N, C-alpha and C. Protein backbone atom coordinates (compact mmCIF):
# COMPACT_ATOMS: atom_id res chain seq x y z
N MET A 1 -115.21 -79.20 94.00
CA MET A 1 -113.74 -79.34 94.21
C MET A 1 -113.46 -80.20 93.22
N THR A 2 -112.41 -79.68 92.03
CA THR A 2 -111.63 -80.26 91.11
C THR A 2 -110.36 -80.93 91.88
N ARG A 3 -110.63 -82.32 91.09
CA ARG A 3 -108.95 -83.13 90.97
C ARG A 3 -108.20 -83.21 90.12
N LEU A 4 -106.72 -82.97 90.47
CA LEU A 4 -105.87 -83.04 89.31
C LEU A 4 -104.44 -84.10 89.89
N LYS A 5 -104.26 -85.06 88.35
CA LYS A 5 -103.44 -85.48 88.48
C LYS A 5 -102.81 -84.90 88.31
N ILE A 6 -101.59 -85.07 88.52
CA ILE A 6 -99.91 -83.99 87.81
C ILE A 6 -99.26 -85.09 88.08
N GLU A 7 -97.84 -85.12 86.60
CA GLU A 7 -96.74 -85.74 86.54
C GLU A 7 -95.85 -84.13 86.00
N GLY A 8 -94.78 -85.61 86.69
CA GLY A 8 -93.39 -84.74 86.97
C GLY A 8 -93.12 -84.03 88.20
N MET A 9 -93.57 -84.06 88.88
CA MET A 9 -93.06 -83.40 90.93
C MET A 9 -92.32 -84.27 91.35
N THR A 10 -90.66 -84.39 91.66
CA THR A 10 -89.95 -84.80 92.61
C THR A 10 -89.86 -84.63 93.53
N CYS A 11 -90.10 -83.37 94.20
CA CYS A 11 -89.95 -82.80 96.04
C CYS A 11 -90.90 -81.84 96.71
N ASN A 12 -90.27 -81.30 96.72
CA ASN A 12 -91.18 -81.06 97.67
C ASN A 12 -91.99 -79.15 97.28
N HIS A 13 -90.00 -78.88 96.67
CA HIS A 13 -90.07 -77.96 96.13
C HIS A 13 -90.85 -77.97 94.77
N CYS A 14 -91.69 -78.39 94.06
CA CYS A 14 -91.98 -78.52 93.64
C CYS A 14 -93.59 -78.44 94.09
N VAL A 15 -93.78 -79.34 94.92
CA VAL A 15 -95.40 -79.30 95.71
C VAL A 15 -95.31 -77.60 95.44
N MET A 16 -94.35 -76.91 96.49
CA MET A 16 -94.68 -75.80 96.48
C MET A 16 -94.84 -74.85 95.36
N GLY A 17 -94.67 -74.81 94.39
CA GLY A 17 -94.74 -74.17 93.31
C GLY A 17 -95.96 -74.36 92.56
N VAL A 18 -96.04 -76.40 92.32
CA VAL A 18 -97.87 -76.10 91.87
C VAL A 18 -98.52 -75.95 92.90
N LYS A 19 -98.20 -75.63 94.16
CA LYS A 19 -99.71 -74.53 94.99
C LYS A 19 -99.47 -73.38 95.03
N ALA A 20 -98.05 -72.61 94.72
CA ALA A 20 -98.61 -71.20 94.87
C ALA A 20 -99.30 -70.96 93.41
N ALA A 21 -98.91 -71.56 91.96
CA ALA A 21 -99.52 -71.31 90.47
C ALA A 21 -101.22 -71.70 91.03
N LEU A 22 -101.53 -72.82 91.83
CA LEU A 22 -103.01 -73.16 91.64
C LEU A 22 -103.37 -72.34 92.79
N ALA A 23 -102.87 -71.69 94.05
CA ALA A 23 -103.73 -71.07 94.19
C ALA A 23 -103.76 -69.47 93.89
N ALA A 24 -103.24 -68.87 93.14
CA ALA A 24 -103.19 -67.40 91.95
C ALA A 24 -103.91 -67.64 90.87
N VAL A 25 -104.32 -68.84 90.97
CA VAL A 25 -105.59 -68.56 89.63
C VAL A 25 -107.23 -68.09 90.34
N PRO A 26 -107.75 -67.31 89.56
CA PRO A 26 -109.13 -66.86 90.60
C PRO A 26 -110.14 -67.57 90.06
N GLY A 27 -110.85 -67.48 91.87
CA GLY A 27 -111.92 -68.40 91.95
C GLY A 27 -111.68 -69.43 93.00
N VAL A 28 -110.25 -70.05 92.84
CA VAL A 28 -109.54 -70.75 93.57
C VAL A 28 -109.28 -71.05 95.06
N ALA A 29 -109.93 -71.11 95.96
CA ALA A 29 -110.43 -70.79 97.71
C ALA A 29 -109.40 -72.06 97.91
N ASP A 30 -108.68 -71.47 99.40
CA ASP A 30 -108.07 -72.08 99.79
C ASP A 30 -108.60 -73.45 101.44
N PRO A 31 -108.29 -74.21 101.69
CA PRO A 31 -106.51 -74.11 101.56
C PRO A 31 -106.44 -74.88 99.83
N VAL A 32 -105.82 -74.75 99.38
CA VAL A 32 -105.60 -75.65 97.97
C VAL A 32 -103.98 -76.62 98.46
N GLU A 33 -104.81 -78.45 98.32
CA GLU A 33 -103.80 -79.22 98.94
C GLU A 33 -103.27 -80.02 97.41
N VAL A 34 -102.36 -80.20 97.21
CA VAL A 34 -101.20 -80.67 96.78
C VAL A 34 -100.47 -82.19 97.38
N SER A 35 -100.54 -83.09 97.03
CA SER A 35 -100.38 -84.61 97.30
C SER A 35 -98.95 -85.13 96.40
N LEU A 36 -97.61 -85.09 96.86
CA LEU A 36 -96.56 -85.75 96.22
C LEU A 36 -96.35 -87.59 96.02
N ASP A 37 -97.47 -88.34 97.17
CA ASP A 37 -97.09 -89.01 97.56
C ASP A 37 -98.06 -89.49 95.92
N ARG A 38 -99.17 -88.92 96.03
CA ARG A 38 -100.27 -89.18 94.78
C ARG A 38 -100.46 -88.75 93.10
N GLY A 39 -99.15 -87.86 93.30
CA GLY A 39 -99.05 -87.59 92.58
C GLY A 39 -100.46 -86.48 91.86
N GLU A 40 -101.67 -86.19 93.51
CA GLU A 40 -102.36 -84.70 92.73
C GLU A 40 -102.51 -83.53 93.42
N ALA A 41 -103.66 -83.30 92.98
CA ALA A 41 -103.72 -82.12 93.80
C ALA A 41 -105.24 -81.89 93.96
N MET A 42 -106.13 -81.81 94.84
CA MET A 42 -107.65 -80.87 95.10
C MET A 42 -107.27 -79.14 95.42
N VAL A 43 -108.45 -78.72 94.54
CA VAL A 43 -108.95 -77.23 94.27
C VAL A 43 -109.84 -77.30 94.69
N GLY A 44 -110.25 -76.28 95.47
CA GLY A 44 -111.78 -76.18 96.95
C GLY A 44 -111.75 -75.06 95.19
N GLY A 45 -113.16 -74.58 95.33
CA GLY A 45 -113.64 -73.19 94.49
C GLY A 45 -114.18 -73.47 93.51
N SER A 46 -114.55 -72.03 92.71
CA SER A 46 -115.37 -72.06 91.63
C SER A 46 -114.15 -71.46 90.15
N ALA A 47 -113.39 -72.24 90.17
CA ALA A 47 -112.22 -71.69 89.29
C ALA A 47 -112.07 -72.52 88.10
N ASP A 48 -111.94 -72.30 87.11
CA ASP A 48 -112.30 -73.53 85.29
C ASP A 48 -111.17 -73.49 85.73
N PRO A 49 -111.53 -75.45 85.37
CA PRO A 49 -110.23 -76.50 85.28
C PRO A 49 -109.19 -76.54 84.47
N GLN A 50 -109.55 -76.19 83.22
CA GLN A 50 -108.88 -75.32 81.66
C GLN A 50 -107.63 -74.71 82.70
N ALA A 51 -108.40 -73.73 83.64
CA ALA A 51 -107.07 -72.37 84.46
C ALA A 51 -106.04 -73.34 85.03
N LEU A 52 -106.89 -73.85 85.76
CA LEU A 52 -106.23 -74.96 86.65
C LEU A 52 -104.63 -75.68 85.90
N VAL A 53 -105.05 -76.08 84.77
CA VAL A 53 -104.07 -77.29 84.41
C VAL A 53 -103.15 -76.09 83.44
N ALA A 54 -104.03 -75.51 83.10
CA ALA A 54 -102.73 -74.06 82.36
C ALA A 54 -101.42 -73.70 83.10
N ALA A 55 -102.32 -73.95 85.18
CA ALA A 55 -101.69 -72.59 85.68
C ALA A 55 -99.94 -74.46 86.16
N VAL A 56 -100.65 -75.13 85.76
CA VAL A 56 -99.38 -76.23 87.05
C VAL A 56 -98.60 -76.38 85.54
N THR A 57 -99.04 -76.30 84.17
CA THR A 57 -97.57 -76.62 82.47
C THR A 57 -97.84 -75.45 82.87
N GLU A 58 -97.46 -74.21 83.17
CA GLU A 58 -96.50 -73.00 83.45
C GLU A 58 -95.77 -72.71 83.97
N GLU A 59 -96.03 -73.70 85.29
CA GLU A 59 -95.35 -74.19 86.62
C GLU A 59 -93.75 -75.54 85.84
N GLY A 60 -94.40 -75.88 84.56
CA GLY A 60 -93.43 -77.07 83.89
C GLY A 60 -93.86 -78.63 84.40
N PHE A 61 -95.06 -79.00 84.38
CA PHE A 61 -95.47 -80.12 84.57
C PHE A 61 -97.05 -80.32 84.19
N THR A 62 -97.58 -81.78 84.39
CA THR A 62 -97.98 -81.89 83.52
C THR A 62 -99.28 -82.15 84.22
N ALA A 63 -100.39 -81.71 83.33
CA ALA A 63 -102.79 -81.99 84.52
C ALA A 63 -103.19 -82.17 83.68
N VAL A 64 -103.95 -83.41 83.90
CA VAL A 64 -105.33 -83.49 83.72
C VAL A 64 -106.75 -83.59 84.95
N VAL A 65 -107.21 -83.10 84.15
CA VAL A 65 -108.33 -82.91 86.07
C VAL A 65 -109.17 -84.45 85.31
N VAL A 66 -109.26 -84.65 86.63
CA VAL A 66 -109.90 -86.45 87.47
C VAL A 66 -111.57 -86.68 87.45
N ALA A 67 -112.10 -86.77 86.95
CA ALA A 67 -113.15 -86.59 87.22
C ALA A 67 -113.76 -87.55 88.58
């Protein structure tokens, strides 16, 4: 499980965009959990953490992997 801290999400539309972007990364297992309140995402599977960060960045948000 990879945990990402995500900054810039302000609404449920943002959450849906981040969730879709993360789900499209090869190696991601469903479900992807994105929390607007906590500003984070939990992603299962074997996806490269840097690919997850890149997917969130492409959506216009900032993400960092939380250890």
